[in-house]
Each structure stands twice: as structure tokens, then as C-alpha cells.
Amino acid sequence: EVLIRERIQIERLFFDFDETQDGTLTLSELTRLIYFLRINANKGSIKLLFEAIDYEKKNYFTLNEFKHFLSESSFIRQTEK
């Protein structure tokens, strides 16, 4: 919702916070991204989010995994309404 409201491109946001420019985000990079978006979330919530995106438990996730997670989350929210 924040991404849509602020008209932020997911790809740009992802690569802006990919500090090592290796095409992945770690937990610490995701944490900075969440705080940048001013989303009110504690460290435990962010860790749960990270674990949901990184379901293969690699300790990172790719842009495609992030997009997939976001699209699935949007679908779930829409079907719950």
C-alpha cells in the first residue's frame, strides 16, 4: 500500500537498499527499507516478514521472490475483503 501511495517502483527501491548490489536483500537491508518507508514495525515483525519472503531459508531473497510475495499478499488481502 505504501509503495502504491508513494508511487515507488519496487525495482528501484529493492536495488537502492541492496547495499552489496548482488541482487538480494538480507534481513538488515530489509529492515532499513521498512524504516525508510516509515512503516511502523518492530524487529520481530520485520524478522517474520523476512522469513515469509525467504521461505527457502537462504538468509536473503531476490527481487523476483520479493515481487512474488507482494503479489501473493495483495491477492490474499483482496480475497479477504
C-alpha atoms as a PDB file:
ATOM      1  CA  GLU A   1       0.000   0.000   0.000  1.00  0.00           C
ATOM      2  CA  VAL A   2       2.827   2.397   0.841  1.00  0.00           C
ATOM      3  CA  LEU A   3       4.526   1.609  -2.455  1.00  0.00           C
ATOM      4  CA  ILE A   4       1.372   2.430  -4.396  1.00  0.00           C
ATOM      5  CA  ARG A   5       0.553   5.540  -2.372  1.00  0.00           C
ATOM      6  CA  GLU A   6       4.058   6.960  -2.756  1.00  0.00           C
ATOM      7  CA  ARG A   7       4.367   5.745  -6.377  1.00  0.00           C
ATOM      8  CA  ILE A   8       7.619   3.991  -5.628  1.00  0.00           C
ATOM      9  CA  GLN A   9       8.879   1.437  -8.123  1.00  0.00           C
ATOM     10  CA  ILE A  10       9.611  -1.867  -6.435  1.00  0.00           C
ATOM     11  CA  GLU A  11      12.709  -2.490  -8.550  1.00  0.00           C
ATOM     12  CA  ARG A  12      14.282   0.855  -7.722  1.00  0.00           C
ATOM     13  CA  LEU A  13      13.522   0.503  -4.037  1.00  0.00           C
ATOM     14  CA  PHE A  14      14.945  -3.018  -3.972  1.00  0.00           C
ATOM     15  CA  PHE A  15      18.212  -2.046  -5.640  1.00  0.00           C
ATOM     16  CA  ASP A  16      18.558   1.160  -3.598  1.00  0.00           C
ATOM     17  CA  PHE A  17      18.647  -0.978  -0.444  1.00  0.00           C
ATOM     18  CA  ASP A  18      20.748  -3.783  -1.918  1.00  0.00           C
ATOM     19  CA  GLU A  19      23.976  -2.464  -0.378  1.00  0.00           C
ATOM     20  CA  THR A  20      26.214  -5.107  -1.937  1.00  0.00           C
ATOM     21  CA  GLN A  21      24.494  -4.799  -5.329  1.00  0.00           C
ATOM     22  CA  ASP A  22      24.310  -8.595  -5.585  1.00  0.00           C
ATOM     23  CA  GLY A  23      20.613  -8.738  -6.455  1.00  0.00           C
ATOM     24  CA  THR A  24      19.500  -9.852  -2.995  1.00  0.00           C
ATOM     25  CA  LEU A  25      18.258  -8.348   0.250  1.00  0.00           C
ATOM     26  CA  THR A  26      19.287  -9.548   3.683  1.00  0.00           C
ATOM     27  CA  LEU A  27      17.392  -9.047   6.920  1.00  0.00           C
ATOM     28  CA  SER A  28      19.367  -5.905   7.766  1.00  0.00           C
ATOM     29  CA  GLU A  29      18.758  -4.444   4.291  1.00  0.00           C
ATOM     30  CA  LEU A  30      15.023  -5.208   4.550  1.00  0.00           C
ATOM     31  CA  THR A  31      14.959  -3.590   7.988  1.00  0.00           C
ATOM     32  CA  ARG A  32      16.424  -0.366   6.586  1.00  0.00           C
ATOM     33  CA  LEU A  33      13.932  -0.475   3.716  1.00  0.00           C
ATOM     34  CA  ILE A  34      10.993  -0.847   6.142  1.00  0.00           C
ATOM     35  CA  TYR A  35      12.213   2.055   8.276  1.00  0.00           C
ATOM     36  CA  PHE A  36      12.788   4.173   5.157  1.00  0.00           C
ATOM     37  CA  LEU A  37       9.150   3.639   4.170  1.00  0.00           C
ATOM     38  CA  ARG A  38       8.155   4.746   7.679  1.00  0.00           C
ATOM     39  CA  ILE A  39       6.264   1.541   8.303  1.00  0.00           C
ATOM     40  CA  ASN A  40       5.635   1.089  11.998  1.00  0.00           C
ATOM     41  CA  ALA A  41       7.094  -2.362  12.637  1.00  0.00           C
ATOM     42  CA  ASN A  42       9.246  -3.805  15.373  1.00  0.00           C
ATOM     43  CA  LYS A  43      12.261  -6.034  14.781  1.00  0.00           C
ATOM     44  CA  GLY A  44      10.270  -9.184  15.496  1.00  0.00           C
ATOM     45  CA  SER A  45       7.654  -8.302  12.887  1.00  0.00           C
ATOM     46  CA  ILE A  46      10.309  -7.496  10.323  1.00  0.00           C
ATOM     47  CA  LYS A  47      12.037 -10.818  11.012  1.00  0.00           C
ATOM     48  CA  LEU A  48       8.734 -12.658  10.489  1.00  0.00           C
ATOM     49  CA  LEU A  49       8.216 -10.789   7.220  1.00  0.00           C
ATOM     50  CA  PHE A  50      11.731 -11.649   6.113  1.00  0.00           C
ATOM     51  CA  GLU A  51      11.221 -15.321   6.938  1.00  0.00           C
ATOM     52  CA  ALA A  52       7.962 -15.344   4.955  1.00  0.00           C
ATOM     53  CA  ILE A  53       9.699 -13.922   1.885  1.00  0.00           C
ATOM     54  CA  ASP A  54      12.816 -16.082   2.345  1.00  0.00           C
ATOM     55  CA  TYR A  55      10.830 -19.309   2.646  1.00  0.00           C
ATOM     56  CA  GLU A  56      13.825 -21.320   1.386  1.00  0.00           C
ATOM     57  CA  LYS A  57      15.849 -20.056   4.394  1.00  0.00           C
ATOM     58  CA  LYS A  58      18.835 -18.805   2.371  1.00  0.00           C
ATOM     59  CA  ASN A  59      19.232 -15.683   4.568  1.00  0.00           C
ATOM     60  CA  TYR A  60      18.436 -13.465   1.566  1.00  0.00           C
ATOM     61  CA  PHE A  61      15.771 -13.046  -1.085  1.00  0.00           C
ATOM     62  CA  THR A  62      15.802 -11.920  -4.695  1.00  0.00           C
ATOM     63  CA  LEU A  63      13.742  -9.275  -6.467  1.00  0.00           C
ATOM     64  CA  ASN A  64      11.591 -11.978  -8.070  1.00  0.00           C
ATOM     65  CA  GLU A  65      10.883 -13.569  -4.675  1.00  0.00           C
ATOM     66  CA  PHE A  66      10.013 -10.135  -3.280  1.00  0.00           C
ATOM     67  CA  LYS A  67       7.638  -9.377  -6.169  1.00  0.00           C
ATOM     68  CA  HIS A  68       6.035 -12.802  -5.844  1.00  0.00           C
ATOM     69  CA  PHE A  69       5.498 -12.294  -2.126  1.00  0.00           C
ATOM     70  CA  LEU A  70       3.977  -8.844  -2.687  1.00  0.00           C
ATOM     71  CA  SER A  71       1.644 -10.074  -5.416  1.00  0.00           C
ATOM     72  CA  GLU A  72       0.513 -13.044  -3.301  1.00  0.00           C
ATOM     73  CA  SER A  73      -0.046 -10.747  -0.321  1.00  0.00           C
ATOM     74  CA  SER A  74      -2.131  -8.373  -2.455  1.00  0.00           C
ATOM     75  CA  PHE A  75      -4.220 -11.269  -3.720  1.00  0.00           C
ATOM     76  CA  ILE A  76      -4.832 -12.546  -0.190  1.00  0.00           C
ATOM     77  CA  ARG A  77      -5.866  -9.073   1.052  1.00  0.00           C
ATOM     78  CA  GLN A  78      -8.260  -8.643  -1.881  1.00  0.00           C
ATOM     79  CA  THR A  79      -9.911 -12.020  -1.353  1.00  0.00           C
ATOM     80  CA  GLU A  80     -10.367 -11.322   2.370  1.00  0.00           C
ATOM     81  CA  LYS A  81     -12.465  -8.208   1.648  1.00  0.00           C
END
